[in-house]
N, C-alpha and C. Protein backbone atom coordinates (compact mmCIF):
# COMPACT_ATOMS: atom_id res chain seq x y z
N UNK A 1 -54.85 -38.46 -38.75
CA UNK A 1 -54.18 -37.16 -38.60
C UNK A 1 -54.61 -36.45 -37.32
N UNK A 2 -55.91 -36.51 -37.00
CA UNK A 2 -56.42 -35.88 -35.76
C UNK A 2 -55.76 -36.50 -34.54
N UNK A 3 -55.43 -37.83 -34.65
CA UNK A 3 -54.81 -38.53 -33.54
C UNK A 3 -53.41 -37.96 -33.24
N UNK A 4 -52.72 -37.50 -34.27
CA UNK A 4 -51.38 -36.92 -34.08
C UNK A 4 -51.46 -35.46 -33.61
N UNK A 5 -52.45 -34.73 -34.11
CA UNK A 5 -52.58 -33.31 -33.75
C UNK A 5 -53.11 -33.13 -32.34
N UNK A 6 -54.01 -34.00 -31.92
CA UNK A 6 -54.66 -33.84 -30.61
C UNK A 6 -53.67 -33.80 -29.45
N UNK A 7 -52.69 -34.72 -29.35
CA UNK A 7 -51.72 -34.64 -28.25
C UNK A 7 -50.92 -33.33 -28.27
N UNK A 8 -50.61 -32.86 -29.48
CA UNK A 8 -49.85 -31.60 -29.58
C UNK A 8 -50.67 -30.43 -29.05
N UNK A 9 -51.95 -30.39 -29.38
CA UNK A 9 -52.83 -29.31 -28.89
C UNK A 9 -52.99 -29.40 -27.38
N UNK A 10 -53.20 -30.62 -26.86
CA UNK A 10 -53.34 -30.80 -25.41
C UNK A 10 -52.07 -30.37 -24.69
N UNK A 11 -50.92 -30.77 -25.23
CA UNK A 11 -49.63 -30.39 -24.62
C UNK A 11 -49.43 -28.87 -24.67
N UNK A 12 -49.78 -28.25 -25.78
CA UNK A 12 -49.67 -26.80 -25.90
C UNK A 12 -50.54 -26.09 -24.86
N UNK A 13 -51.78 -26.53 -24.72
CA UNK A 13 -52.69 -25.92 -23.74
C UNK A 13 -52.21 -26.15 -22.31
N UNK A 14 -51.72 -27.37 -22.03
CA UNK A 14 -51.25 -27.69 -20.67
C UNK A 14 -50.02 -26.84 -20.32
N UNK A 15 -49.05 -26.77 -21.23
CA UNK A 15 -47.84 -25.98 -20.96
C UNK A 15 -48.15 -24.49 -20.89
N UNK A 16 -49.10 -24.01 -21.69
CA UNK A 16 -49.51 -22.61 -21.62
C UNK A 16 -50.11 -22.31 -20.25
N UNK A 17 -50.95 -23.21 -19.75
CA UNK A 17 -51.57 -23.02 -18.44
C UNK A 17 -50.53 -23.07 -17.32
N UNK A 18 -49.56 -23.99 -17.45
CA UNK A 18 -48.55 -24.15 -16.39
C UNK A 18 -47.55 -22.99 -16.41
N UNK A 19 -46.94 -22.76 -17.58
CA UNK A 19 -45.86 -21.75 -17.63
C UNK A 19 -46.37 -20.33 -17.81
N UNK A 20 -47.57 -20.18 -18.38
CA UNK A 20 -48.08 -18.84 -18.62
C UNK A 20 -49.02 -18.33 -17.55
N UNK A 21 -49.55 -19.24 -16.72
CA UNK A 21 -50.52 -18.81 -15.72
C UNK A 21 -50.14 -19.28 -14.31
N UNK A 22 -50.03 -20.60 -14.14
CA UNK A 22 -49.79 -21.15 -12.80
C UNK A 22 -48.43 -20.71 -12.23
N UNK A 23 -47.37 -20.86 -13.02
CA UNK A 23 -46.03 -20.51 -12.53
C UNK A 23 -45.91 -19.02 -12.19
N UNK A 24 -46.30 -18.09 -13.08
CA UNK A 24 -46.19 -16.67 -12.72
C UNK A 24 -47.03 -16.31 -11.48
N UNK A 25 -48.24 -16.87 -11.36
CA UNK A 25 -49.06 -16.58 -10.19
C UNK A 25 -48.42 -17.12 -8.91
N UNK A 26 -47.84 -18.32 -9.00
CA UNK A 26 -47.17 -18.91 -7.83
C UNK A 26 -45.96 -18.07 -7.42
N UNK A 27 -45.14 -17.65 -8.40
CA UNK A 27 -43.95 -16.85 -8.09
C UNK A 27 -44.33 -15.49 -7.52
N UNK A 28 -45.40 -14.90 -8.07
CA UNK A 28 -45.86 -13.61 -7.55
C UNK A 28 -46.33 -13.76 -6.11
N UNK A 29 -47.05 -14.82 -5.82
CA UNK A 29 -47.53 -15.06 -4.46
C UNK A 29 -46.39 -15.31 -3.49
N UNK A 30 -45.41 -16.13 -3.90
CA UNK A 30 -44.26 -16.42 -3.04
C UNK A 30 -43.44 -15.16 -2.79
N UNK A 31 -43.19 -14.38 -3.87
CA UNK A 31 -42.42 -13.14 -3.71
C UNK A 31 -43.14 -12.17 -2.78
N UNK A 32 -44.47 -12.06 -2.92
CA UNK A 32 -45.24 -11.17 -2.05
C UNK A 32 -45.20 -11.59 -0.60
N UNK A 33 -45.16 -12.92 -0.37
CA UNK A 33 -45.14 -13.43 1.01
C UNK A 33 -43.75 -13.29 1.63
N UNK A 34 -42.70 -13.60 0.86
CA UNK A 34 -41.33 -13.57 1.41
C UNK A 34 -40.70 -12.18 1.40
N UNK A 35 -41.02 -11.39 0.38
CA UNK A 35 -40.41 -10.07 0.23
C UNK A 35 -41.50 -9.03 -0.05
N UNK A 36 -42.36 -8.73 0.91
CA UNK A 36 -43.51 -7.85 0.64
C UNK A 36 -43.13 -6.44 0.20
N UNK A 37 -42.10 -5.86 0.78
CA UNK A 37 -41.71 -4.49 0.41
C UNK A 37 -41.16 -4.45 -1.00
N UNK A 38 -40.26 -5.38 -1.32
CA UNK A 38 -39.66 -5.42 -2.65
C UNK A 38 -40.71 -5.74 -3.72
N UNK A 39 -41.63 -6.65 -3.40
CA UNK A 39 -42.65 -7.04 -4.37
C UNK A 39 -43.60 -5.89 -4.69
N UNK A 40 -43.71 -4.93 -3.81
CA UNK A 40 -44.57 -3.77 -4.04
C UNK A 40 -43.81 -2.58 -4.62
N UNK A 41 -42.55 -2.80 -5.01
CA UNK A 41 -41.79 -1.75 -5.68
C UNK A 41 -40.80 -1.02 -4.79
N UNK A 42 -40.53 -1.54 -3.57
CA UNK A 42 -39.60 -0.90 -2.63
C UNK A 42 -39.93 0.57 -2.44
N UNK A 43 -41.22 0.84 -2.23
CA UNK A 43 -41.69 2.22 -2.11
C UNK A 43 -41.24 2.84 -0.79
N UNK A 44 -40.94 4.14 -0.84
CA UNK A 44 -40.53 4.88 0.35
C UNK A 44 -41.62 5.89 0.68
N UNK A 45 -42.04 5.89 1.94
CA UNK A 45 -43.12 6.79 2.37
C UNK A 45 -42.59 7.85 3.33
N UNK A 46 -43.24 8.99 3.30
CA UNK A 46 -42.95 10.05 4.26
C UNK A 46 -44.30 10.62 4.70
N UNK A 47 -44.54 10.60 5.99
CA UNK A 47 -45.82 11.07 6.54
C UNK A 47 -47.01 10.37 5.89
N UNK A 48 -46.86 9.05 5.66
CA UNK A 48 -47.94 8.26 5.10
C UNK A 48 -48.15 8.42 3.61
N UNK A 49 -47.29 9.18 2.94
CA UNK A 49 -47.44 9.41 1.50
C UNK A 49 -46.23 8.85 0.76
N UNK A 50 -46.47 8.13 -0.34
CA UNK A 50 -45.39 7.56 -1.14
C UNK A 50 -44.67 8.71 -1.85
N UNK A 51 -43.35 8.79 -1.63
CA UNK A 51 -42.57 9.87 -2.25
C UNK A 51 -41.54 9.35 -3.25
N UNK A 52 -41.45 8.02 -3.38
CA UNK A 52 -40.49 7.48 -4.33
C UNK A 52 -40.25 6.00 -4.10
N UNK A 53 -39.27 5.49 -4.80
CA UNK A 53 -38.88 4.08 -4.68
C UNK A 53 -37.39 4.02 -4.42
N UNK A 54 -36.98 3.03 -3.65
CA UNK A 54 -35.55 2.84 -3.40
C UNK A 54 -34.83 2.35 -4.65
N UNK A 55 -35.60 1.97 -5.69
CA UNK A 55 -35.02 1.39 -6.90
C UNK A 55 -34.90 2.37 -8.06
N UNK A 56 -35.55 3.53 -7.96
CA UNK A 56 -35.56 4.49 -9.06
C UNK A 56 -35.10 5.85 -8.54
N UNK A 57 -34.12 6.43 -9.20
CA UNK A 57 -33.60 7.73 -8.78
C UNK A 57 -34.59 8.85 -8.99
N UNK A 58 -34.30 9.98 -8.38
CA UNK A 58 -35.10 11.20 -8.53
C UNK A 58 -34.16 12.37 -8.75
N UNK A 59 -34.68 13.40 -9.39
CA UNK A 59 -33.86 14.59 -9.64
C UNK A 59 -33.98 15.54 -8.46
N UNK A 60 -32.84 15.88 -7.87
CA UNK A 60 -32.78 16.88 -6.80
C UNK A 60 -31.92 18.03 -7.32
N UNK A 61 -32.49 19.21 -7.44
CA UNK A 61 -31.75 20.36 -7.98
C UNK A 61 -31.29 21.32 -6.88
N UNK A 62 -32.01 21.36 -5.78
CA UNK A 62 -31.73 22.30 -4.70
C UNK A 62 -30.37 21.99 -4.07
N UNK A 63 -29.58 23.03 -3.81
CA UNK A 63 -28.25 22.85 -3.22
C UNK A 63 -28.29 22.21 -1.84
N UNK A 64 -29.43 22.28 -1.15
CA UNK A 64 -29.49 21.72 0.20
C UNK A 64 -29.70 20.21 0.20
N UNK A 65 -29.78 19.61 -1.01
CA UNK A 65 -29.93 18.16 -1.13
C UNK A 65 -28.77 17.56 -1.89
N UNK A 66 -28.50 16.29 -1.60
CA UNK A 66 -27.51 15.55 -2.37
C UNK A 66 -28.12 15.25 -3.74
N UNK A 67 -27.29 15.30 -4.77
CA UNK A 67 -27.74 15.04 -6.14
C UNK A 67 -27.29 13.65 -6.57
N UNK A 68 -28.11 13.01 -7.39
CA UNK A 68 -27.76 11.69 -7.92
C UNK A 68 -26.97 11.81 -9.21
N UNK A 69 -26.84 10.67 -9.88
CA UNK A 69 -26.15 10.65 -11.17
C UNK A 69 -26.99 11.36 -12.21
N UNK A 70 -26.37 11.90 -13.24
CA UNK A 70 -27.16 12.45 -14.34
C UNK A 70 -28.01 11.34 -14.98
N UNK A 71 -29.15 11.72 -15.51
CA UNK A 71 -30.03 10.75 -16.17
C UNK A 71 -30.26 11.19 -17.61
N UNK A 72 -30.18 10.23 -18.54
CA UNK A 72 -30.34 10.55 -19.97
C UNK A 72 -31.72 10.17 -20.50
N UNK A 73 -32.67 9.83 -19.61
CA UNK A 73 -33.98 9.40 -20.10
C UNK A 73 -34.74 10.57 -20.72
N UNK A 74 -35.61 10.22 -21.65
CA UNK A 74 -36.35 11.21 -22.43
C UNK A 74 -37.85 10.96 -22.34
N UNK A 75 -38.62 11.93 -22.82
CA UNK A 75 -40.08 11.80 -22.93
C UNK A 75 -40.50 12.53 -24.19
N UNK A 76 -41.68 12.21 -24.73
CA UNK A 76 -42.16 12.94 -25.92
C UNK A 76 -42.33 14.43 -25.61
N UNK A 77 -41.96 15.25 -26.57
CA UNK A 77 -42.13 16.70 -26.44
C UNK A 77 -43.63 17.01 -26.49
N UNK A 78 -44.18 17.67 -25.45
CA UNK A 78 -45.62 17.96 -25.45
C UNK A 78 -46.04 18.89 -26.59
N UNK A 79 -45.07 19.65 -27.13
CA UNK A 79 -45.39 20.58 -28.23
C UNK A 79 -45.21 19.97 -29.61
N UNK A 80 -44.44 18.88 -29.70
CA UNK A 80 -44.18 18.25 -30.99
C UNK A 80 -43.91 16.77 -30.75
N UNK A 81 -44.87 15.93 -31.05
CA UNK A 81 -44.77 14.50 -30.75
C UNK A 81 -43.69 13.77 -31.54
N UNK A 82 -43.11 14.42 -32.55
CA UNK A 82 -42.03 13.79 -33.30
C UNK A 82 -40.67 14.00 -32.65
N UNK A 83 -40.65 14.78 -31.57
CA UNK A 83 -39.38 15.08 -30.88
C UNK A 83 -39.46 14.60 -29.43
N UNK A 84 -38.31 14.57 -28.79
CA UNK A 84 -38.24 14.21 -27.38
C UNK A 84 -37.57 15.33 -26.59
N UNK A 85 -37.83 15.33 -25.30
CA UNK A 85 -37.21 16.31 -24.40
C UNK A 85 -36.63 15.55 -23.20
N UNK A 86 -35.61 16.10 -22.55
CA UNK A 86 -35.06 15.43 -21.37
C UNK A 86 -36.13 15.27 -20.29
N UNK A 87 -36.17 14.08 -19.69
CA UNK A 87 -37.09 13.79 -18.58
C UNK A 87 -36.33 12.89 -17.61
N UNK A 88 -35.50 13.50 -16.74
CA UNK A 88 -34.65 12.69 -15.86
C UNK A 88 -35.42 11.66 -15.05
N UNK A 89 -34.85 10.46 -14.99
CA UNK A 89 -35.39 9.34 -14.21
C UNK A 89 -36.80 8.94 -14.66
N UNK A 90 -37.07 9.06 -15.94
CA UNK A 90 -38.37 8.66 -16.49
C UNK A 90 -38.42 7.14 -16.61
N UNK A 91 -39.09 6.49 -15.65
CA UNK A 91 -39.13 5.02 -15.61
C UNK A 91 -39.90 4.44 -16.78
N UNK A 92 -40.71 5.23 -17.45
CA UNK A 92 -41.45 4.74 -18.61
C UNK A 92 -40.57 4.67 -19.86
N UNK A 93 -39.37 5.24 -19.79
CA UNK A 93 -38.50 5.27 -20.96
C UNK A 93 -37.05 5.08 -20.53
N UNK A 94 -36.80 4.01 -19.82
CA UNK A 94 -35.48 3.73 -19.30
C UNK A 94 -34.48 3.53 -20.44
N UNK A 95 -33.40 4.32 -20.40
CA UNK A 95 -32.37 4.19 -21.44
C UNK A 95 -31.15 5.03 -21.09
N UNK A 96 -30.06 4.72 -21.74
CA UNK A 96 -28.88 5.56 -21.67
C UNK A 96 -28.91 6.54 -22.83
N UNK A 97 -27.87 7.33 -22.95
CA UNK A 97 -27.85 8.34 -24.02
C UNK A 97 -27.40 7.75 -25.35
N UNK A 98 -26.69 6.61 -25.31
CA UNK A 98 -26.11 5.97 -26.50
C UNK A 98 -25.06 6.84 -27.18
N UNK A 99 -24.54 7.85 -26.48
CA UNK A 99 -23.47 8.67 -27.04
C UNK A 99 -22.14 7.99 -26.74
N UNK A 100 -21.29 7.89 -27.78
CA UNK A 100 -20.01 7.21 -27.64
C UNK A 100 -18.88 8.14 -27.26
N UNK A 101 -17.69 7.58 -27.03
CA UNK A 101 -16.55 8.39 -26.57
C UNK A 101 -16.09 9.44 -27.56
N UNK A 102 -16.47 9.34 -28.82
CA UNK A 102 -16.08 10.35 -29.81
C UNK A 102 -17.16 11.41 -30.02
N UNK A 103 -18.24 11.35 -29.25
CA UNK A 103 -19.35 12.28 -29.40
C UNK A 103 -18.99 13.66 -28.84
N UNK A 104 -19.11 14.68 -29.67
CA UNK A 104 -18.84 16.05 -29.23
C UNK A 104 -19.89 16.49 -28.20
N UNK A 105 -21.15 16.10 -28.40
CA UNK A 105 -22.22 16.47 -27.46
C UNK A 105 -21.92 15.90 -26.07
N UNK A 106 -21.43 14.65 -26.02
CA UNK A 106 -21.09 14.03 -24.74
C UNK A 106 -19.89 14.74 -24.11
N UNK A 107 -18.86 15.01 -24.90
CA UNK A 107 -17.67 15.69 -24.38
C UNK A 107 -18.02 17.07 -23.85
N UNK A 108 -18.87 17.80 -24.56
CA UNK A 108 -19.28 19.15 -24.11
C UNK A 108 -20.06 19.08 -22.80
N UNK A 109 -20.98 18.10 -22.70
CA UNK A 109 -21.77 17.98 -21.47
C UNK A 109 -20.89 17.58 -20.29
N UNK A 110 -19.97 16.65 -20.52
CA UNK A 110 -19.06 16.23 -19.45
C UNK A 110 -18.21 17.40 -18.96
N UNK A 111 -17.67 18.18 -19.91
CA UNK A 111 -16.84 19.33 -19.53
C UNK A 111 -17.63 20.33 -18.72
N UNK A 112 -18.86 20.61 -19.16
CA UNK A 112 -19.72 21.56 -18.45
C UNK A 112 -20.03 21.07 -17.03
N UNK A 113 -20.35 19.78 -16.91
CA UNK A 113 -20.67 19.22 -15.59
C UNK A 113 -19.46 19.20 -14.67
N UNK A 114 -18.30 18.82 -15.22
CA UNK A 114 -17.08 18.78 -14.40
C UNK A 114 -16.71 20.19 -13.94
N UNK A 115 -16.80 21.18 -14.83
CA UNK A 115 -16.47 22.56 -14.46
C UNK A 115 -17.40 23.06 -13.34
N UNK A 116 -18.69 22.74 -13.46
CA UNK A 116 -19.65 23.16 -12.44
C UNK A 116 -19.34 22.52 -11.09
N UNK A 117 -19.02 21.23 -11.10
CA UNK A 117 -18.71 20.53 -9.85
C UNK A 117 -17.39 21.02 -9.25
N UNK A 118 -16.43 21.37 -10.09
CA UNK A 118 -15.15 21.89 -9.57
C UNK A 118 -15.34 23.24 -8.88
N UNK A 119 -16.26 24.05 -9.42
CA UNK A 119 -16.56 25.33 -8.75
C UNK A 119 -17.24 25.07 -7.40
N UNK A 120 -18.04 24.03 -7.36
CA UNK A 120 -18.77 23.67 -6.14
C UNK A 120 -17.82 23.19 -5.04
N UNK A 121 -16.80 22.41 -5.42
CA UNK A 121 -15.86 21.85 -4.45
C UNK A 121 -14.48 21.80 -5.10
N UNK A 122 -13.76 22.94 -5.09
CA UNK A 122 -12.47 23.00 -5.80
C UNK A 122 -11.36 22.19 -5.16
N UNK A 123 -11.54 21.74 -3.93
CA UNK A 123 -10.47 21.05 -3.21
C UNK A 123 -10.49 19.54 -3.38
N UNK A 124 -11.43 19.01 -4.19
CA UNK A 124 -11.53 17.56 -4.34
C UNK A 124 -11.66 17.20 -5.82
N UNK A 125 -11.21 15.98 -6.16
CA UNK A 125 -11.39 15.52 -7.54
C UNK A 125 -12.84 15.06 -7.72
N UNK A 126 -13.36 15.28 -8.91
CA UNK A 126 -14.77 14.99 -9.20
C UNK A 126 -14.96 13.49 -9.40
N UNK A 127 -15.81 12.85 -8.58
CA UNK A 127 -16.08 11.41 -8.78
C UNK A 127 -16.78 11.18 -10.12
N UNK A 128 -16.38 10.13 -10.80
CA UNK A 128 -16.87 9.88 -12.17
C UNK A 128 -18.38 9.68 -12.21
N UNK A 129 -18.98 9.11 -11.16
CA UNK A 129 -20.41 8.84 -11.24
C UNK A 129 -21.27 10.09 -11.09
N UNK A 130 -20.67 11.23 -10.77
CA UNK A 130 -21.45 12.47 -10.71
C UNK A 130 -21.57 13.13 -12.08
N UNK A 131 -20.82 12.62 -13.07
CA UNK A 131 -20.90 13.20 -14.41
C UNK A 131 -21.30 12.19 -15.49
N UNK A 132 -21.33 10.91 -15.14
CA UNK A 132 -21.71 9.89 -16.12
C UNK A 132 -23.10 9.35 -15.82
N UNK A 133 -23.84 9.05 -16.87
CA UNK A 133 -25.18 8.48 -16.70
C UNK A 133 -25.06 6.96 -16.61
N UNK A 134 -26.06 6.34 -15.98
CA UNK A 134 -26.09 4.89 -15.94
C UNK A 134 -26.76 4.37 -17.22
N UNK A 135 -26.63 3.09 -17.49
CA UNK A 135 -27.22 2.51 -18.70
C UNK A 135 -28.74 2.61 -18.69
N UNK A 136 -29.35 2.55 -17.50
CA UNK A 136 -30.81 2.62 -17.42
C UNK A 136 -31.31 4.04 -17.32
N UNK A 137 -30.48 4.95 -16.83
CA UNK A 137 -30.93 6.32 -16.57
C UNK A 137 -31.74 6.44 -15.30
N UNK A 138 -31.83 5.36 -14.51
CA UNK A 138 -32.68 5.35 -13.32
C UNK A 138 -31.92 5.08 -12.02
N UNK A 139 -30.61 5.00 -12.08
CA UNK A 139 -29.81 4.60 -10.92
C UNK A 139 -30.12 5.47 -9.70
N UNK A 140 -30.58 4.85 -8.59
CA UNK A 140 -30.91 5.63 -7.40
C UNK A 140 -29.71 5.86 -6.48
N UNK A 141 -28.57 5.24 -6.81
CA UNK A 141 -27.42 5.26 -5.91
C UNK A 141 -26.24 6.04 -6.49
N UNK A 142 -25.42 6.52 -5.58
CA UNK A 142 -24.13 7.10 -5.95
C UNK A 142 -23.07 6.45 -5.06
N UNK A 143 -21.83 6.63 -5.41
CA UNK A 143 -20.74 6.08 -4.60
C UNK A 143 -20.59 6.90 -3.33
N UNK A 144 -20.05 6.31 -2.26
CA UNK A 144 -19.79 7.09 -1.05
C UNK A 144 -18.89 8.30 -1.33
N UNK A 145 -17.96 8.16 -2.28
CA UNK A 145 -17.08 9.28 -2.64
C UNK A 145 -17.88 10.43 -3.26
N UNK A 146 -18.87 10.08 -4.08
CA UNK A 146 -19.71 11.11 -4.71
C UNK A 146 -20.56 11.83 -3.67
N UNK A 147 -21.00 11.09 -2.66
CA UNK A 147 -21.78 11.72 -1.59
C UNK A 147 -20.88 12.62 -0.73
N UNK A 148 -19.69 12.14 -0.39
CA UNK A 148 -18.76 12.95 0.42
C UNK A 148 -18.34 14.21 -0.33
N UNK A 149 -18.20 14.11 -1.65
CA UNK A 149 -17.83 15.27 -2.47
C UNK A 149 -18.86 16.39 -2.32
N UNK A 150 -20.13 16.03 -2.13
CA UNK A 150 -21.21 17.02 -2.06
C UNK A 150 -21.44 17.59 -0.66
N UNK A 151 -20.77 17.02 0.34
CA UNK A 151 -20.98 17.46 1.73
C UNK A 151 -20.77 18.96 1.91
N UNK A 152 -19.68 19.56 1.39
CA UNK A 152 -19.48 21.00 1.60
C UNK A 152 -20.63 21.85 1.07
N UNK A 153 -21.14 21.54 -0.13
CA UNK A 153 -22.25 22.31 -0.70
C UNK A 153 -23.52 22.17 0.14
N UNK A 154 -23.85 20.93 0.52
CA UNK A 154 -25.07 20.68 1.31
C UNK A 154 -24.96 21.36 2.67
N UNK A 155 -23.79 21.26 3.30
CA UNK A 155 -23.60 21.88 4.62
C UNK A 155 -23.73 23.41 4.52
N UNK A 156 -23.13 24.01 3.48
CA UNK A 156 -23.24 25.47 3.28
C UNK A 156 -24.69 25.88 3.08
N UNK A 157 -25.41 25.15 2.23
CA UNK A 157 -26.80 25.50 1.91
C UNK A 157 -27.71 25.38 3.13
N UNK A 158 -27.36 24.52 4.06
CA UNK A 158 -28.19 24.31 5.25
C UNK A 158 -27.64 25.00 6.49
N UNK A 159 -26.53 25.73 6.33
CA UNK A 159 -25.87 26.39 7.46
C UNK A 159 -25.55 25.41 8.58
N UNK A 160 -24.98 24.28 8.18
CA UNK A 160 -24.59 23.24 9.12
C UNK A 160 -23.09 23.02 9.02
N UNK A 161 -22.45 22.59 10.11
CA UNK A 161 -21.04 22.23 9.99
C UNK A 161 -20.90 20.93 9.19
N UNK A 162 -19.84 20.84 8.40
CA UNK A 162 -19.62 19.63 7.59
C UNK A 162 -19.54 18.38 8.46
N UNK A 163 -18.97 18.53 9.66
CA UNK A 163 -18.83 17.39 10.56
C UNK A 163 -20.17 16.83 11.02
N UNK A 164 -21.23 17.59 10.83
CA UNK A 164 -22.56 17.12 11.18
C UNK A 164 -23.21 16.36 10.01
N UNK A 165 -22.79 16.69 8.79
CA UNK A 165 -23.37 16.06 7.60
C UNK A 165 -22.61 14.79 7.22
N UNK A 166 -21.29 14.77 7.41
CA UNK A 166 -20.49 13.61 7.02
C UNK A 166 -20.95 12.30 7.65
N UNK A 167 -21.29 12.28 8.93
CA UNK A 167 -21.73 11.01 9.53
C UNK A 167 -23.01 10.45 8.89
N UNK A 168 -23.85 11.34 8.35
CA UNK A 168 -25.06 10.87 7.66
C UNK A 168 -24.69 10.05 6.43
N UNK A 169 -23.67 10.50 5.70
CA UNK A 169 -23.22 9.78 4.51
C UNK A 169 -22.70 8.41 4.92
N UNK A 170 -21.89 8.37 5.97
CA UNK A 170 -21.34 7.11 6.46
C UNK A 170 -22.45 6.17 6.90
N UNK A 171 -23.43 6.70 7.63
CA UNK A 171 -24.54 5.87 8.11
C UNK A 171 -25.43 5.38 6.97
N UNK A 172 -25.49 6.14 5.88
CA UNK A 172 -26.35 5.78 4.74
C UNK A 172 -25.65 4.90 3.71
N UNK A 173 -24.36 4.62 3.93
CA UNK A 173 -23.61 3.81 2.98
C UNK A 173 -23.93 2.33 3.16
N UNK A 174 -24.33 1.70 2.07
CA UNK A 174 -24.60 0.25 2.06
C UNK A 174 -23.37 -0.45 1.49
N UNK A 175 -23.00 -1.56 2.11
CA UNK A 175 -21.83 -2.31 1.64
C UNK A 175 -22.16 -3.26 0.51
N UNK A 176 -21.18 -4.05 0.12
CA UNK A 176 -21.37 -5.05 -0.93
C UNK A 176 -22.36 -6.12 -0.45
N UNK A 177 -23.16 -6.64 -1.36
CA UNK A 177 -24.11 -7.70 -1.05
C UNK A 177 -23.33 -8.95 -0.64
N UNK A 178 -23.63 -9.46 0.54
CA UNK A 178 -22.94 -10.62 1.11
C UNK A 178 -21.44 -10.38 1.24
N UNK A 179 -21.03 -9.10 1.26
CA UNK A 179 -19.64 -8.75 1.39
C UNK A 179 -18.82 -8.97 0.13
N UNK A 180 -19.47 -9.41 -0.98
CA UNK A 180 -18.74 -9.74 -2.20
C UNK A 180 -19.25 -9.04 -3.44
N UNK A 181 -20.55 -8.94 -3.59
CA UNK A 181 -21.13 -8.50 -4.86
C UNK A 181 -21.42 -7.01 -4.88
N UNK A 182 -21.12 -6.37 -6.01
CA UNK A 182 -21.41 -4.95 -6.18
C UNK A 182 -20.37 -4.08 -5.50
N UNK A 183 -20.69 -2.81 -5.42
CA UNK A 183 -19.81 -1.81 -4.82
C UNK A 183 -20.55 -1.11 -3.69
N UNK A 184 -19.83 -0.54 -2.72
CA UNK A 184 -20.50 0.27 -1.70
C UNK A 184 -21.27 1.41 -2.37
N UNK A 185 -22.45 1.75 -1.84
CA UNK A 185 -23.32 2.73 -2.48
C UNK A 185 -24.13 3.48 -1.44
N UNK A 186 -24.64 4.63 -1.88
CA UNK A 186 -25.50 5.46 -1.04
C UNK A 186 -26.78 5.73 -1.84
N UNK A 187 -27.93 5.40 -1.26
CA UNK A 187 -29.20 5.71 -1.90
C UNK A 187 -29.49 7.19 -1.67
N UNK A 188 -29.60 7.96 -2.74
CA UNK A 188 -29.71 9.41 -2.65
C UNK A 188 -31.00 9.84 -1.95
N UNK A 189 -32.12 9.21 -2.29
CA UNK A 189 -33.39 9.57 -1.65
C UNK A 189 -33.35 9.28 -0.16
N UNK A 190 -32.85 8.12 0.22
CA UNK A 190 -32.77 7.77 1.64
C UNK A 190 -31.85 8.75 2.39
N UNK A 191 -30.73 9.14 1.76
CA UNK A 191 -29.81 10.08 2.38
C UNK A 191 -30.47 11.44 2.57
N UNK A 192 -31.19 11.90 1.56
CA UNK A 192 -31.86 13.20 1.66
C UNK A 192 -32.97 13.19 2.71
N UNK A 193 -33.66 12.07 2.85
CA UNK A 193 -34.68 11.96 3.90
C UNK A 193 -34.03 12.01 5.28
N UNK A 194 -32.89 11.33 5.43
CA UNK A 194 -32.16 11.37 6.71
C UNK A 194 -31.69 12.79 7.00
N UNK A 195 -31.29 13.50 5.97
CA UNK A 195 -30.85 14.90 6.11
C UNK A 195 -32.00 15.78 6.58
N UNK A 196 -33.18 15.60 5.99
CA UNK A 196 -34.36 16.36 6.41
C UNK A 196 -34.76 16.06 7.85
N UNK A 197 -34.66 14.77 8.23
CA UNK A 197 -35.00 14.39 9.61
C UNK A 197 -34.03 15.03 10.60
N UNK A 198 -32.75 15.07 10.23
CA UNK A 198 -31.75 15.68 11.12
C UNK A 198 -32.01 17.19 11.24
N UNK A 199 -32.34 17.83 10.13
CA UNK A 199 -32.58 19.27 10.15
C UNK A 199 -33.84 19.63 10.94
N UNK A 200 -34.79 18.69 11.00
CA UNK A 200 -36.05 18.96 11.69
C UNK A 200 -35.91 18.85 13.19
N UNK A 201 -34.82 18.25 13.67
CA UNK A 201 -34.65 18.07 15.12
C UNK A 201 -34.28 19.38 15.79
């Protein structure tokens, strides 16, 4: 019986060492060597200080900044651990809202957000990604249309002509991967950093 069990144990230990230790360490090393920025979390620095990641959105409330998609992520309520409170872009609790198309809470929030955006820019239709959350709640990107929609508000808040802000959106727009995959997008943090750099000149 030991003769039959021994090869199984040896094979289990060998495969555990190969697939559980050697392979992950090799892939981590290769990824770090070939893609050092991405392997470290695609971190974005300003004045030598990490201010975010190109992969995780951030909440911008000030009118002088472009805003990202709404985020439905939550965190434990500090006053009552049995409840949760909104915590936009909480990477420790990535999730969508799970509210369906018949949800009154979702319909009310959408109406409120659309009305607010229409007051902000009454001459344009509201892009859908400015009122809908992503499945992860962490999306760092918006569509070029969503960024252009916000140009009048950002320009007003910064006392800049719109024609000075629009080219920043165009310059910050990333195309489809290999010209085929995904949709054109604008990273909100990168766009806001470019906006700050332009204002500082």
